[in-house]
């Protein structure tokens, strides 16, 4: 039975541990939401409270980022490690997008806001399964390797700051994916791994939209609160993001997603050093 409210749907996804089960439920609820929207009778947002930390499978083991083993990307083991890391990122993204729907349901936002994040959660679910298929084609699976334990930190840090969440998750973390994914595609092209290349190309194309949704709704809130978007973004990223932003940046795709260079270049180590000098 489909939950009665959108936040019920979100919490059900967040409290499902197995990755394949979580993403199947995510896609089911996204389809139900959009079907109801087309009929003109979407479920109410509701007030279900999301967990502080989403349910996770017993594996992978979650380690401090410094303790995750490094593998050479030019080797078969290194490429498997990259795919595993991407699967882990995508599963966290599923939860991040459903979390923003439920956690900030009391903020009065236009219906399009919920459409965007439900669509993003649906696409991240697809991405997770595409990468899991790649892992399994190579005799591996999600959970076979240790993973980064800090992926949920941005959600914890911004649990009570709606604009902070939009600034850090889509406009910093997902924007970073636009910077690094072309290099990953090239690596798998060189290795002749067509399945991985096709999966990463799908992810690359759709992640632009997710960053754009973050930028669109961040600017919307800045307009609502009469804030300068660039100044607000810099302030929030400095407050919630741990460390400087690191070039090189994919300026073309960032611009396509609504992120001009004067948003992110001032947050790099180079800019900080120049300011100190």
Foldseek 3Di string as FASTA:
>chain_A
DQDQALLVLLQVLQADADLLVSLVSLLVNLVVQVVCVVVVHGGHHDADAHDLHGHYDPFDAADAPVPFDADDCLDPVNLLVVLLALLVLLSLLLNLLSNLSRLVVVDDDDPVLNNLSSVSSNLSSVLNVLSQVLQVVVVHGRRRGYYHNCSCQQCNLCSPPSLLSLLPPLQAVLQVLLQCLVVSLVSVVVVVSVSVNVSSVSVNVVSLSSSLSSLVVSVVVCVVVVHDSLVVSVVSCVVRPDAFRDDDGPQVSSVVSPHHPSNHPCRHPVVVVVVVD
